[in-house]
Amino acid sequence: HGLGPYFRDLVIKDIKNCERFVLCFHEQTNNKNKKQLNLYFPYWSAQKGLVVTRYYLTILLGHAQANLVVDGILGAFRTDSIDISKLLILSRDNPNVNKTVEKMINDAMKKVNAELLNVG
C-alpha cells in the first residue's frame, strides 16, 4: 500500500483530464502460476506538457479468458469513473493475441457512441 494509492489517484486524475488515451495491457504468469493483467496508460499529460506512460493497475485473473480480461478492464474503468469513450487505441504485447478482447472492448465503446481507432 504505502504511496501506491496516492500515485494511482494522480494517474486517474490526469487521465480524466486528457482528451484521449491509449490502454496497454500485458498478460503474464506470476510466481503462483496464475495469470495477471498489467495495465498502463500512454497519454498526453497536459500537466507535464508531454506524452507519459503510467502504470495503472494489475488485475489477477487466474485464467486469461477474453471475457475475464474485458470484465476486469471495464470494471476498473467503472470503479475509477474513467470514460471509456476517451479510449483511442488498445495496445497489447502481441497484435495477434487477444483480438477477441479488442472486439469486445470496441463493442462496449459502441454502446456509448465511440470506437477504437483501427490502425490495421
PDB file of N, CA and C in Angstrom:
ATOM      1  N   HIS A   1       0.812  -1.162   0.000  1.00  0.00           N
ATOM      2  CA  HIS A   1       0.000   0.000   0.000  1.00  0.00           C
ATOM      3  C   HIS A   1       0.874   1.252   0.000  1.00  0.00           C
ATOM      4  N   GLY A   2       1.278   1.763   1.110  1.00  0.00           N
ATOM      5  CA  GLY A   2       2.191   2.897   1.155  1.00  0.00           C
ATOM      6  C   GLY A   2       1.750   4.048   0.278  1.00  0.00           C
ATOM      7  N   LEU A   3       2.630   4.443  -0.636  1.00  0.00           N
ATOM      8  CA  LEU A   3       2.359   5.574  -1.528  1.00  0.00           C
ATOM      9  C   LEU A   3       1.595   5.181  -2.790  1.00  0.00           C
ATOM     10  N   GLY A   4       1.412   3.881  -3.011  1.00  0.00           N
ATOM     11  CA  GLY A   4       0.740   3.405  -4.217  1.00  0.00           C
ATOM     12  C   GLY A   4      -0.599   4.061  -4.495  1.00  0.00           C
ATOM     13  N   PRO A   5      -1.520   4.077  -3.526  1.00  0.00           N
ATOM     14  CA  PRO A   5      -2.828   4.701  -3.775  1.00  0.00           C
ATOM     15  C   PRO A   5      -2.733   6.185  -4.135  1.00  0.00           C
ATOM     16  N   TYR A   6      -1.793   6.879  -3.539  1.00  0.00           N
ATOM     17  CA  TYR A   6      -1.616   8.302  -3.840  1.00  0.00           C
ATOM     18  C   TYR A   6      -1.243   8.496  -5.312  1.00  0.00           C
ATOM     19  N   PHE A   7      -0.241   7.729  -5.778  1.00  0.00           N
ATOM     20  CA  PHE A   7       0.201   7.872  -7.167  1.00  0.00           C
ATOM     21  C   PHE A   7      -0.850   7.359  -8.143  1.00  0.00           C
ATOM     22  N   ARG A   8      -1.583   6.320  -7.766  1.00  0.00           N
ATOM     23  CA  ARG A   8      -2.656   5.815  -8.616  1.00  0.00           C
ATOM     24  C   ARG A   8      -3.733   6.886  -8.788  1.00  0.00           C
ATOM     25  N   ASP A   9      -4.076   7.566  -7.702  1.00  0.00           N
ATOM     26  CA  ASP A   9      -5.061   8.651  -7.784  1.00  0.00           C
ATOM     27  C   ASP A   9      -4.589   9.783  -8.694  1.00  0.00           C
ATOM     28  N   LEU A  10      -3.289  10.077  -8.669  1.00  0.00           N
ATOM     29  CA  LEU A  10      -2.744  11.106  -9.564  1.00  0.00           C
ATOM     30  C   LEU A  10      -2.906  10.702 -11.026  1.00  0.00           C
ATOM     31  N   VAL A  11      -2.623   9.428 -11.326  1.00  0.00           N
ATOM     32  CA  VAL A  11      -2.768   8.929 -12.703  1.00  0.00           C
ATOM     33  C   VAL A  11      -4.228   9.023 -13.136  1.00  0.00           C
ATOM     34  N   ILE A  12      -5.129   8.576 -12.293  1.00  0.00           N
ATOM     35  CA  ILE A  12      -6.557   8.602 -12.633  1.00  0.00           C
ATOM     36  C   ILE A  12      -7.026  10.038 -12.869  1.00  0.00           C
ATOM     37  N   LYS A  13      -6.620  10.944 -12.016  1.00  0.00           N
ATOM     38  CA  LYS A  13      -6.997  12.357 -12.180  1.00  0.00           C
ATOM     39  C   LYS A  13      -6.454  12.910 -13.495  1.00  0.00           C
ATOM     40  N   ASP A  14      -5.204  12.586 -13.825  1.00  0.00           N
ATOM     41  CA  ASP A  14      -4.592  13.068 -15.064  1.00  0.00           C
ATOM     42  C   ASP A  14      -5.294  12.474 -16.284  1.00  0.00           C
ATOM     43  N   ILE A  15      -5.631  11.180 -16.234  1.00  0.00           N
ATOM     44  CA  ILE A  15      -6.340  10.514 -17.339  1.00  0.00           C
ATOM     45  C   ILE A  15      -7.708  11.167 -17.563  1.00  0.00           C
ATOM     46  N   LYS A  16      -8.392  11.485 -16.491  1.00  0.00           N
ATOM     47  CA  LYS A  16      -9.715  12.104 -16.618  1.00  0.00           C
ATOM     48  C   LYS A  16      -9.641  13.479 -17.269  1.00  0.00           C
ATOM     49  N   ASN A  17      -8.496  14.133 -17.162  1.00  0.00           N
ATOM     50  CA  ASN A  17      -8.330  15.466 -17.742  1.00  0.00           C
ATOM     51  C   ASN A  17      -7.803  15.453 -19.168  1.00  0.00           C
ATOM     52  N   CYS A  18      -7.408  14.299 -19.683  1.00  0.00           N
ATOM     53  CA  CYS A  18      -6.875  14.279 -21.050  1.00  0.00           C
ATOM     54  C   CYS A  18      -7.995  14.014 -22.049  1.00  0.00           C
ATOM     55  N   GLU A  19      -7.730  14.406 -23.295  1.00  0.00           N
ATOM     56  CA  GLU A  19      -8.739  14.274 -24.341  1.00  0.00           C
ATOM     57  C   GLU A  19      -8.923  12.819 -24.767  1.00  0.00           C
ATOM     58  N   ARG A  20      -7.831  12.112 -24.998  1.00  0.00           N
ATOM     59  CA  ARG A  20      -7.847  10.702 -25.405  1.00  0.00           C
ATOM     60  C   ARG A  20      -6.668  10.003 -24.753  1.00  0.00           C
ATOM     61  N   PHE A  21      -6.746   8.681 -24.646  1.00  0.00           N
ATOM     62  CA  PHE A  21      -5.643   7.911 -24.082  1.00  0.00           C
ATOM     63  C   PHE A  21      -5.576   6.539 -24.725  1.00  0.00           C
ATOM     64  N   VAL A  22      -4.453   5.891 -24.552  1.00  0.00           N
ATOM     65  CA  VAL A  22      -4.217   4.528 -25.028  1.00  0.00           C
ATOM     66  C   VAL A  22      -4.181   3.634 -23.794  1.00  0.00           C
ATOM     67  N   LEU A  23      -4.692   2.428 -23.923  1.00  0.00           N
ATOM     68  CA  LEU A  23      -4.569   1.450 -22.849  1.00  0.00           C
ATOM     69  C   LEU A  23      -3.692   0.314 -23.346  1.00  0.00           C
ATOM     70  N   CYS A  24      -2.579   0.091 -22.670  1.00  0.00           N
ATOM     71  CA  CYS A  24      -1.698  -1.041 -22.964  1.00  0.00           C
ATOM     72  C   CYS A  24      -1.966  -2.117 -21.933  1.00  0.00           C
ATOM     73  N   PHE A  25      -2.115  -3.340 -22.404  1.00  0.00           N
ATOM     74  CA  PHE A  25      -2.239  -4.416 -21.431  1.00  0.00           C
ATOM     75  C   PHE A  25      -1.292  -5.540 -21.787  1.00  0.00           C
ATOM     76  N   HIS A  26      -0.785  -6.146 -20.753  1.00  0.00           N
ATOM     77  CA  HIS A  26       0.212  -7.203 -20.887  1.00  0.00           C
ATOM     78  C   HIS A  26      -0.163  -8.322 -19.924  1.00  0.00           C
ATOM     79  N   GLU A  27      -0.367  -9.504 -20.476  1.00  0.00           N
ATOM     80  CA  GLU A  27      -0.653 -10.663 -19.636  1.00  0.00           C
ATOM     81  C   GLU A  27       0.649 -11.363 -19.299  1.00  0.00           C
ATOM     82  N   GLN A  28       0.735 -11.841 -18.086  1.00  0.00           N
ATOM     83  CA  GLN A  28       1.893 -12.643 -17.713  1.00  0.00           C
ATOM     84  C   GLN A  28       1.471 -13.611 -16.624  1.00  0.00           C
ATOM     85  N   THR A  29       2.300 -14.613 -16.416  1.00  0.00           N
ATOM     86  CA  THR A  29       2.071 -15.578 -15.352  1.00  0.00           C
ATOM     87  C   THR A  29       2.915 -15.168 -14.162  1.00  0.00           C
ATOM     88  N   ASN A  30       2.277 -15.073 -12.993  1.00  0.00           N
ATOM     89  CA  ASN A  30       3.028 -14.659 -11.808  1.00  0.00           C
ATOM     90  C   ASN A  30       3.699 -15.860 -11.143  1.00  0.00           C
ATOM     91  N   ASN A  31       4.340 -15.635 -10.006  1.00  0.00           N
ATOM     92  CA  ASN A  31       5.093 -16.702  -9.348  1.00  0.00           C
ATOM     93  C   ASN A  31       4.197 -17.778  -8.739  1.00  0.00           C
ATOM     94  N   LYS A  32       2.899 -17.574  -8.705  1.00  0.00           N
ATOM     95  CA  LYS A  32       1.957 -18.590  -8.232  1.00  0.00           C
ATOM     96  C   LYS A  32       1.294 -19.308  -9.401  1.00  0.00           C
ATOM     97  N   ASN A  33       1.869 -19.128 -10.600  1.00  0.00           N
ATOM     98  CA  ASN A  33       1.395 -19.755 -11.832  1.00  0.00           C
ATOM     99  C   ASN A  33      -0.037 -19.337 -12.181  1.00  0.00           C
ATOM    100  N   LYS A  34      -0.393 -18.117 -11.827  1.00  0.00           N
ATOM    101  CA  LYS A  34      -1.690 -17.542 -12.169  1.00  0.00           C
ATOM    102  C   LYS A  34      -1.477 -16.406 -13.157  1.00  0.00           C
ATOM    103  N   LYS A  35      -2.456 -16.202 -14.018  1.00  0.00           N
ATOM    104  CA  LYS A  35      -2.379 -15.105 -14.983  1.00  0.00           C
ATOM    105  C   LYS A  35      -2.682 -13.780 -14.296  1.00  0.00           C
ATOM    106  N   GLN A  36      -1.923 -12.768 -14.691  1.00  0.00           N
ATOM    107  CA  GLN A  36      -2.221 -11.416 -14.238  1.00  0.00           C
ATOM    108  C   GLN A  36      -2.171 -10.489 -15.431  1.00  0.00           C
ATOM    109  N   LEU A  37      -2.939  -9.431 -15.338  1.00  0.00           N
ATOM    110  CA  LEU A  37      -3.063  -8.455 -16.410  1.00  0.00           C
ATOM    111  C   LEU A  37      -2.539  -7.124 -15.894  1.00  0.00           C
ATOM    112  N   ASN A  38      -1.466  -6.632 -16.507  1.00  0.00           N
ATOM    113  CA  ASN A  38      -0.890  -5.342 -16.137  1.00  0.00           C
ATOM    114  C   ASN A  38      -1.396  -4.294 -17.117  1.00  0.00           C
ATOM    115  N   LEU A  39      -1.911  -3.188 -16.596  1.00  0.00           N
ATOM    116  CA  LEU A  39      -2.487  -2.127 -17.417  1.00  0.00           C
ATOM    117  C   LEU A  39      -1.668  -0.853 -17.284  1.00  0.00           C
ATOM    118  N   TYR A  40      -1.396  -0.220 -18.435  1.00  0.00           N
ATOM    119  CA  TYR A  40      -0.626   1.025 -18.500  1.00  0.00           C
ATOM    120  C   TYR A  40      -1.365   2.008 -19.392  1.00  0.00           C
ATOM    121  N   PHE A  41      -1.194   3.287 -19.112  1.00  0.00           N
ATOM    122  CA  PHE A  41      -1.756   4.345 -19.941  1.00  0.00           C
ATOM    123  C   PHE A  41      -0.643   5.182 -20.549  1.00  0.00           C
ATOM    124  N   PRO A  42      -0.432   5.165 -21.875  1.00  0.00           N
ATOM    125  CA  PRO A  42       0.342   6.224 -22.525  1.00  0.00           C
ATOM    126  C   PRO A  42      -0.658   7.324 -22.932  1.00  0.00           C
ATOM    127  N   TYR A  43      -0.340   8.566 -22.608  1.00  0.00           N
ATOM    128  CA  TYR A  43      -1.267   9.658 -22.916  1.00  0.00           C
ATOM    129  C   TYR A  43      -0.531  10.991 -22.864  1.00  0.00           C
ATOM    130  N   TRP A  44      -1.171  12.002 -23.451  1.00  0.00           N
ATOM    131  CA  TRP A  44      -0.637  13.359 -23.385  1.00  0.00           C
ATOM    132  C   TRP A  44      -1.044  13.950 -22.041  1.00  0.00           C
ATOM    133  N   SER A  45      -0.063  14.270 -21.229  1.00  0.00           N
ATOM    134  CA  SER A  45      -0.323  14.875 -19.931  1.00  0.00           C
ATOM    135  C   SER A  45      -0.266  16.392 -20.076  1.00  0.00           C
ATOM    136  N   ALA A  46      -1.412  17.036 -19.941  1.00  0.00           N
ATOM    137  CA  ALA A  46      -1.453  18.500 -20.010  1.00  0.00           C
ATOM    138  C   ALA A  46      -0.650  19.101 -18.863  1.00  0.00           C
ATOM    139  N   GLN A  47      -0.659  18.424 -17.737  1.00  0.00           N
ATOM    140  CA  GLN A  47       0.076  18.904 -16.568  1.00  0.00           C
ATOM    141  C   GLN A  47       1.579  18.947 -16.836  1.00  0.00           C
ATOM    142  N   LYS A  48       2.103  17.909 -17.522  1.00  0.00           N
ATOM    143  CA  LYS A  48       3.540  17.834 -17.793  1.00  0.00           C
ATOM    144  C   LYS A  48       3.915  18.399 -19.162  1.00  0.00           C
ATOM    145  N   GLY A  49       2.936  18.509 -20.070  1.00  0.00           N
ATOM    146  CA  GLY A  49       3.204  19.033 -21.402  1.00  0.00           C
ATOM    147  C   GLY A  49       3.949  18.065 -22.295  1.00  0.00           C
ATOM    148  N   LEU A  50       3.737  16.762 -22.069  1.00  0.00           N
ATOM    149  CA  LEU A  50       4.386  15.736 -22.894  1.00  0.00           C
ATOM    150  C   LEU A  50       3.658  14.412 -22.750  1.00  0.00           C
ATOM    151  N   VAL A  51       4.021  13.465 -23.629  1.00  0.00           N
ATOM    152  CA  VAL A  51       3.434  12.134 -23.556  1.00  0.00           C
ATOM    153  C   VAL A  51       4.115  11.372 -22.427  1.00  0.00           C
ATOM    154  N   VAL A  52       3.316  10.775 -21.575  1.00  0.00           N
ATOM    155  CA  VAL A  52       3.833   9.972 -20.471  1.00  0.00           C
ATOM    156  C   VAL A  52       3.207   8.584 -20.548  1.00  0.00           C
ATOM    157  N   THR A  53       3.859   7.611 -19.973  1.00  0.00           N
ATOM    158  CA  THR A  53       3.297   6.274 -19.816  1.00  0.00           C
ATOM    159  C   THR A  53       3.267   5.994 -18.327  1.00  0.00           C
ATOM    160  N   ARG A  54       2.092   5.685 -17.822  1.00  0.00           N
ATOM    161  CA  ARG A  54       1.917   5.476 -16.392  1.00  0.00           C
ATOM    162  C   ARG A  54       1.263   4.127 -16.126  1.00  0.00           C
ATOM    163  N   TYR A  55       1.805   3.439 -15.135  1.00  0.00           N
ATOM    164  CA  TYR A  55       1.200   2.197 -14.655  1.00  0.00           C
ATOM    165  C   TYR A  55      -0.155   2.531 -14.048  1.00  0.00           C
ATOM    166  N   TYR A  56      -1.156   1.715 -14.358  1.00  0.00           N
ATOM    167  CA  TYR A  56      -2.495   1.936 -13.823  1.00  0.00           C
ATOM    168  C   TYR A  56      -2.880   0.876 -12.791  1.00  0.00           C
ATOM    169  N   LEU A  57      -2.791  -0.403 -13.190  1.00  0.00           N
ATOM    170  CA  LEU A  57      -3.386  -1.419 -12.339  1.00  0.00           C
ATOM    171  C   LEU A  57      -2.910  -2.805 -12.749  1.00  0.00           C
ATOM    172  N   THR A  58      -2.875  -3.718 -11.806  1.00  0.00           N
ATOM    173  CA  THR A  58      -2.682  -5.134 -12.091  1.00  0.00           C
ATOM    174  C   THR A  58      -3.937  -5.863 -11.640  1.00  0.00           C
ATOM    175  N   ILE A  59      -4.475  -6.679 -12.531  1.00  0.00           N
ATOM    176  CA  ILE A  59      -5.669  -7.465 -12.230  1.00  0.00           C
ATOM    177  C   ILE A  59      -5.260  -8.932 -12.220  1.00  0.00           C
ATOM    178  N   LEU A  60      -5.541  -9.634 -11.126  1.00  0.00           N
ATOM    179  CA  LEU A  60      -5.260 -11.064 -11.039  1.00  0.00           C
ATOM    180  C   LEU A  60      -6.438 -11.811 -11.645  1.00  0.00           C
ATOM    181  N   LEU A  61      -6.140 -12.669 -12.619  1.00  0.00           N
ATOM    182  CA  LEU A  61      -7.199 -13.308 -13.392  1.00  0.00           C
ATOM    183  C   LEU A  61      -7.384 -14.786 -13.090  1.00  0.00           C
ATOM    184  N   GLY A  62      -6.342 -15.487 -12.738  1.00  0.00           N
ATOM    185  CA  GLY A  62      -6.422 -16.934 -12.668  1.00  0.00           C
ATOM    186  C   GLY A  62      -6.237 -17.480 -14.075  1.00  0.00           C
ATOM    187  N   HIS A  63      -7.283 -17.416 -14.875  1.00  0.00           N
ATOM    188  CA  HIS A  63      -7.214 -17.789 -16.291  1.00  0.00           C
ATOM    189  C   HIS A  63      -7.502 -16.539 -17.112  1.00  0.00           C
ATOM    190  N   ALA A  64      -6.839 -16.414 -18.255  1.00  0.00           N
ATOM    191  CA  ALA A  64      -6.943 -15.187 -19.051  1.00  0.00           C
ATOM    192  C   ALA A  64      -7.915 -15.342 -20.215  1.00  0.00           C
ATOM    193  N   GLN A  65      -9.144 -15.738 -19.914  1.00  0.00           N
ATOM    194  CA  GLN A  65     -10.154 -15.807 -20.959  1.00  0.00           C
ATOM    195  C   GLN A  65     -10.573 -14.386 -21.323  1.00  0.00           C
ATOM    196  N   ALA A  66     -10.928 -14.199 -22.582  1.00  0.00           N
ATOM    197  CA  ALA A  66     -11.231 -12.855 -23.085  1.00  0.00           C
ATOM    198  C   ALA A  66     -12.293 -12.143 -22.251  1.00  0.00           C
ATOM    199  N   ASN A  67     -13.360 -12.836 -21.886  1.00  0.00           N
ATOM    200  CA  ASN A  67     -14.427 -12.175 -21.124  1.00  0.00           C
ATOM    201  C   ASN A  67     -13.941 -11.725 -19.748  1.00  0.00           C
ATOM    202  N   LEU A  68     -13.019 -12.470 -19.126  1.00  0.00           N
ATOM    203  CA  LEU A  68     -12.473 -12.059 -17.829  1.00  0.00           C
ATOM    204  C   LEU A  68     -11.581 -10.835 -17.971  1.00  0.00           C
ATOM    205  N   VAL A  69     -10.795 -10.796 -19.049  1.00  0.00           N
ATOM    206  CA  VAL A  69      -9.926  -9.644 -19.311  1.00  0.00           C
ATOM    207  C   VAL A  69     -10.782  -8.393 -19.517  1.00  0.00           C
ATOM    208  N   VAL A  70     -11.798  -8.501 -20.360  1.00  0.00           N
ATOM    209  CA  VAL A  70     -12.679  -7.359 -20.651  1.00  0.00           C
ATOM    210  C   VAL A  70     -13.431  -6.924 -19.396  1.00  0.00           C
ATOM    211  N   ASP A  71     -13.968  -7.882 -18.648  1.00  0.00           N
ATOM    212  CA  ASP A  71     -14.677  -7.539 -17.411  1.00  0.00           C
ATOM    213  C   ASP A  71     -13.753  -6.824 -16.431  1.00  0.00           C
ATOM    214  N   GLY A  72     -12.499  -7.265 -16.351  1.00  0.00           N
ATOM    215  CA  GLY A  72     -11.529  -6.621 -15.463  1.00  0.00           C
ATOM    216  C   GLY A  72     -11.239  -5.192 -15.875  1.00  0.00           C
ATOM    217  N   ILE A  73     -11.033  -4.981 -17.170  1.00  0.00           N
ATOM    218  CA  ILE A  73     -10.739  -3.631 -17.682  1.00  0.00           C
ATOM    219  C   ILE A  73     -11.944  -2.710 -17.503  1.00  0.00           C
ATOM    220  N   LEU A  74     -13.108  -3.157 -17.957  1.00  0.00           N
ATOM    221  CA  LEU A  74     -14.308  -2.315 -17.863  1.00  0.00           C
ATOM    222  C   LEU A  74     -14.702  -2.063 -16.408  1.00  0.00           C
ATOM    223  N   GLY A  75     -14.528  -3.071 -15.565  1.00  0.00           N
ATOM    224  CA  GLY A  75     -14.827  -2.907 -14.143  1.00  0.00           C
ATOM    225  C   GLY A  75     -13.923  -1.874 -13.493  1.00  0.00           C
ATOM    226  N   ALA A  76     -12.638  -1.903 -13.836  1.00  0.00           N
ATOM    227  CA  ALA A  76     -11.688  -0.921 -13.293  1.00  0.00           C
ATOM    228  C   ALA A  76     -12.050   0.486 -13.764  1.00  0.00           C
ATOM    229  N   PHE A  77     -12.411   0.618 -15.037  1.00  0.00           N
ATOM    230  CA  PHE A  77     -12.816   1.932 -15.559  1.00  0.00           C
ATOM    231  C   PHE A  77     -14.059   2.447 -14.824  1.00  0.00           C
ATOM    232  N   ARG A  78     -15.033   1.556 -14.604  1.00  0.00           N
ATOM    233  CA  ARG A  78     -16.251   1.968 -13.887  1.00  0.00           C
ATOM    234  C   ARG A  78     -15.919   2.393 -12.455  1.00  0.00           C
ATOM    235  N   THR A  79     -15.124   1.581 -11.770  1.00  0.00           N
ATOM    236  CA  THR A  79     -14.753   1.881 -10.381  1.00  0.00           C
ATOM    237  C   THR A  79     -14.076   3.235 -10.266  1.00  0.00           C
ATOM    238  N   ASP A  80     -13.206   3.543 -11.228  1.00  0.00           N
ATOM    239  CA  ASP A  80     -12.433   4.785 -11.183  1.00  0.00           C
ATOM    240  C   ASP A  80     -13.071   5.916 -11.990  1.00  0.00           C
ATOM    241  N   SER A  81     -14.275   5.689 -12.502  1.00  0.00           N
ATOM    242  CA  SER A  81     -15.008   6.692 -13.301  1.00  0.00           C
ATOM    243  C   SER A  81     -14.181   7.203 -14.476  1.00  0.00           C
ATOM    244  N   ILE A  82     -13.508   6.274 -15.164  1.00  0.00           N
ATOM    245  CA  ILE A  82     -12.743   6.617 -16.364  1.00  0.00           C
ATOM    246  C   ILE A  82     -13.664   6.444 -17.567  1.00  0.00           C
ATOM    247  N   ASP A  83     -13.783   7.470 -18.366  1.00  0.00           N
ATOM    248  CA  ASP A  83     -14.687   7.499 -19.517  1.00  0.00           C
ATOM    249  C   ASP A  83     -14.118   6.645 -20.650  1.00  0.00           C
ATOM    250  N   ILE A  84     -14.780   5.521 -20.922  1.00  0.00           N
ATOM    251  CA  ILE A  84     -14.295   4.606 -21.959  1.00  0.00           C
ATOM    252  C   ILE A  84     -14.324   5.251 -23.343  1.00  0.00           C
ATOM    253  N   SER A  85     -15.162   6.255 -23.544  1.00  0.00           N
ATOM    254  CA  SER A  85     -15.234   6.888 -24.867  1.00  0.00           C
ATOM    255  C   SER A  85     -13.957   7.654 -25.205  1.00  0.00           C
ATOM    256  N   LYS A  86     -13.095   7.898 -24.223  1.00  0.00           N
ATOM    257  CA  LYS A  86     -11.812   8.569 -24.464  1.00  0.00           C
ATOM    258  C   LYS A  86     -10.710   7.595 -24.876  1.00  0.00           C
ATOM    259  N   LEU A  87     -11.010   6.298 -24.840  1.00  0.00           N
ATOM    260  CA  LEU A  87     -10.020   5.287 -25.226  1.00  0.00           C
ATOM    261  C   LEU A  87      -9.801   5.339 -26.734  1.00  0.00           C
ATOM    262  N   LEU A  88      -8.572   5.561 -27.147  1.00  0.00           N
ATOM    263  CA  LEU A  88      -8.233   5.711 -28.562  1.00  0.00           C
ATOM    264  C   LEU A  88      -7.777   4.391 -29.172  1.00  0.00           C
ATOM    265  N   ILE A  89      -6.838   3.740 -28.513  1.00  0.00           N
ATOM    266  CA  ILE A  89      -6.239   2.503 -29.024  1.00  0.00           C
ATOM    267  C   ILE A  89      -6.054   1.538 -27.869  1.00  0.00           C
ATOM    268  N   LEU A  90      -6.250   0.267 -28.141  1.00  0.00           N
ATOM    269  CA  LEU A  90      -5.958  -0.799 -27.199  1.00  0.00           C
ATOM    270  C   LEU A  90      -4.681  -1.473 -27.679  1.00  0.00           C
ATOM    271  N   SER A  91      -3.642  -1.405 -26.886  1.00  0.00           N
ATOM    272  CA  SER A  91      -2.346  -1.953 -27.277  1.00  0.00           C
ATOM    273  C   SER A  91      -2.041  -3.187 -26.439  1.00  0.00           C
ATOM    274  N   ARG A  92      -1.456  -4.177 -27.069  1.00  0.00           N
ATOM    275  CA  ARG A  92      -1.116  -5.409 -26.350  1.00  0.00           C
ATOM    276  C   ARG A  92       0.259  -5.885 -26.760  1.00  0.00           C
ATOM    277  N   ASP A  93       0.792  -6.825 -26.017  1.00  0.00           N
ATOM    278  CA  ASP A  93       2.162  -7.259 -26.260  1.00  0.00           C
ATOM    279  C   ASP A  93       2.334  -7.999 -27.581  1.00  0.00           C
ATOM    280  N   ASN A  94       1.282  -8.565 -28.125  1.00  0.00           N
ATOM    281  CA  ASN A  94       1.354  -9.266 -29.401  1.00  0.00           C
ATOM    282  C   ASN A  94       0.081  -8.945 -30.181  1.00  0.00           C
ATOM    283  N   PRO A  95       0.193  -8.331 -31.363  1.00  0.00           N
ATOM    284  CA  PRO A  95      -1.006  -7.907 -32.096  1.00  0.00           C
ATOM    285  C   PRO A  95      -1.925  -9.054 -32.508  1.00  0.00           C
ATOM    286  N   ASN A  96      -1.405 -10.283 -32.548  1.00  0.00           N
ATOM    287  CA  ASN A  96      -2.236 -11.415 -32.938  1.00  0.00           C
ATOM    288  C   ASN A  96      -2.928 -12.069 -31.746  1.00  0.00           C
ATOM    289  N   VAL A  97      -2.604 -11.616 -30.552  1.00  0.00           N
ATOM    290  CA  VAL A  97      -3.199 -12.166 -29.343  1.00  0.00           C
ATOM    291  C   VAL A  97      -4.323 -11.242 -28.889  1.00  0.00           C
ATOM    292  N   ASN A  98      -5.343 -11.832 -28.347  1.00  0.00           N
ATOM    293  CA  ASN A  98      -6.447 -11.078 -27.741  1.00  0.00           C
ATOM    294  C   ASN A  98      -7.230 -10.208 -28.713  1.00  0.00           C
ATOM    295  N   LYS A  99      -7.403 -10.675 -29.936  1.00  0.00           N
ATOM    296  CA  LYS A  99      -8.255  -9.946 -30.873  1.00  0.00           C
ATOM    297  C   LYS A  99      -9.706  -9.935 -30.382  1.00  0.00           C
ATOM    298  N   THR A 100     -10.083 -10.983 -29.660  1.00  0.00           N
ATOM    299  CA  THR A 100     -11.430 -11.036 -29.093  1.00  0.00           C
ATOM    300  C   THR A 100     -11.611  -9.946 -28.050  1.00  0.00           C
ATOM    301  N   VAL A 101     -10.575  -9.706 -27.242  1.00  0.00           N
ATOM    302  CA  VAL A 101     -10.635  -8.640 -26.238  1.00  0.00           C
ATOM    303  C   VAL A 101     -10.860  -7.300 -26.930  1.00  0.00           C
ATOM    304  N   GLU A 102     -10.118  -7.047 -27.993  1.00  0.00           N
ATOM    305  CA  GLU A 102     -10.269  -5.787 -28.721  1.00  0.00           C
ATOM    306  C   GLU A 102     -11.684  -5.636 -29.265  1.00  0.00           C
ATOM    307  N   LYS A 103     -12.223  -6.704 -29.832  1.00  0.00           N
ATOM    308  CA  LYS A 103     -13.584  -6.648 -30.377  1.00  0.00           C
ATOM    309  C   LYS A 103     -14.602  -6.377 -29.267  1.00  0.00           C
ATOM    310  N   MET A 104     -14.438  -7.034 -28.132  1.00  0.00           N
ATOM    311  CA  MET A 104     -15.381  -6.860 -27.026  1.00  0.00           C
ATOM    312  C   MET A 104     -15.301  -5.447 -26.429  1.00  0.00           C
ATOM    313  N   ILE A 105     -14.097  -4.909 -26.314  1.00  0.00           N
ATOM    314  CA  ILE A 105     -13.939  -3.532 -25.825  1.00  0.00           C
ATOM    315  C   ILE A 105     -14.573  -2.560 -26.822  1.00  0.00           C
ATOM    316  N   ASN A 106     -14.323  -2.789 -28.111  1.00  0.00           N
ATOM    317  CA  ASN A 106     -14.897  -1.921 -29.142  1.00  0.00           C
ATOM    318  C   ASN A 106     -16.427  -1.984 -29.112  1.00  0.00           C
ATOM    319  N   ASP A 107     -16.984  -3.173 -28.900  1.00  0.00           N
ATOM    320  CA  ASP A 107     -18.441  -3.310 -28.797  1.00  0.00           C
ATOM    321  C   ASP A 107     -18.981  -2.516 -27.608  1.00  0.00           C
ATOM    322  N   ALA A 108     -18.266  -2.552 -26.479  1.00  0.00           N
ATOM    323  CA  ALA A 108     -18.678  -1.774 -25.298  1.00  0.00           C
ATOM    324  C   ALA A 108     -18.610  -0.282 -25.597  1.00  0.00           C
ATOM    325  N   MET A 109     -17.611   0.129 -26.355  1.00  0.00           N
ATOM    326  CA  MET A 109     -17.467   1.542 -26.705  1.00  0.00           C
ATOM    327  C   MET A 109     -18.585   2.002 -27.635  1.00  0.00           C
ATOM    328  N   LYS A 110     -18.998   1.135 -28.545  1.00  0.00           N
ATOM    329  CA  LYS A 110     -20.065   1.499 -29.480  1.00  0.00           C
ATOM    330  C   LYS A 110     -21.368   1.806 -28.753  1.00  0.00           C
ATOM    331  N   LYS A 111     -21.545   1.224 -27.569  1.00  0.00           N
ATOM    332  CA  LYS A 111     -22.750   1.493 -26.777  1.00  0.00           C
ATOM    333  C   LYS A 111     -22.788   2.931 -26.266  1.00  0.00           C
ATOM    334  N   VAL A 112     -21.619   3.589 -26.252  1.00  0.00           N
ATOM    335  CA  VAL A 112     -21.560   4.999 -25.828  1.00  0.00           C
ATOM    336  C   VAL A 112     -21.130   5.888 -27.001  1.00  0.00           C
ATOM    337  N   ASN A 113     -21.447   5.419 -28.227  1.00  0.00           N
ATOM    338  CA  ASN A 113     -21.174   6.169 -29.461  1.00  0.00           C
ATOM    339  C   ASN A 113     -19.702   6.514 -29.651  1.00  0.00           C
ATOM    340  N   ALA A 114     -18.833   5.554 -29.385  1.00  0.00           N
ATOM    341  CA  ALA A 114     -17.395   5.718 -29.588  1.00  0.00           C
ATOM    342  C   ALA A 114     -16.862   4.407 -30.152  1.00  0.00           C
ATOM    343  N   GLU A 115     -15.647   4.436 -30.636  1.00  0.00           N
ATOM    344  CA  GLU A 115     -14.990   3.199 -31.028  1.00  0.00           C
ATOM    345  C   GLU A 115     -13.490   3.404 -31.085  1.00  0.00           C
ATOM    346  N   LEU A 116     -12.781   2.275 -31.056  1.00  0.00           N
ATOM    347  CA  LEU A 116     -11.327   2.307 -31.113  1.00  0.00           C
ATOM    348  C   LEU A 116     -10.862   2.753 -32.488  1.00  0.00           C
ATOM    349  N   LEU A 117      -9.732   3.420 -32.533  1.00  0.00           N
ATOM    350  CA  LEU A 117      -9.100   3.772 -33.796  1.00  0.00           C
ATOM    351  C   LEU A 117      -8.539   2.495 -34.401  1.00  0.00           C
ATOM    352  N   ASN A 118      -8.915   2.194 -35.629  1.00  0.00           N
ATOM    353  CA  ASN A 118      -8.430   0.992 -36.302  1.00  0.00           C
ATOM    354  C   ASN A 118      -7.145   1.331 -37.042  1.00  0.00           C
ATOM    355  N   VAL A 119      -6.035   0.791 -36.569  1.00  0.00           N
ATOM    356  CA  VAL A 119      -4.744   1.058 -37.211  1.00  0.00           C
ATOM    357  C   VAL A 119      -4.260  -0.138 -38.021  1.00  0.00           C
ATOM    358  N   GLY A 120      -5.146  -1.072 -38.292  1.00  0.00           N
ATOM    359  CA  GLY A 120      -4.793  -2.168 -39.172  1.00  0.00           C
ATOM    360  C   GLY A 120      -4.632  -3.435 -38.557  1.00  0.00           C
TER     361      GLY A 120
END
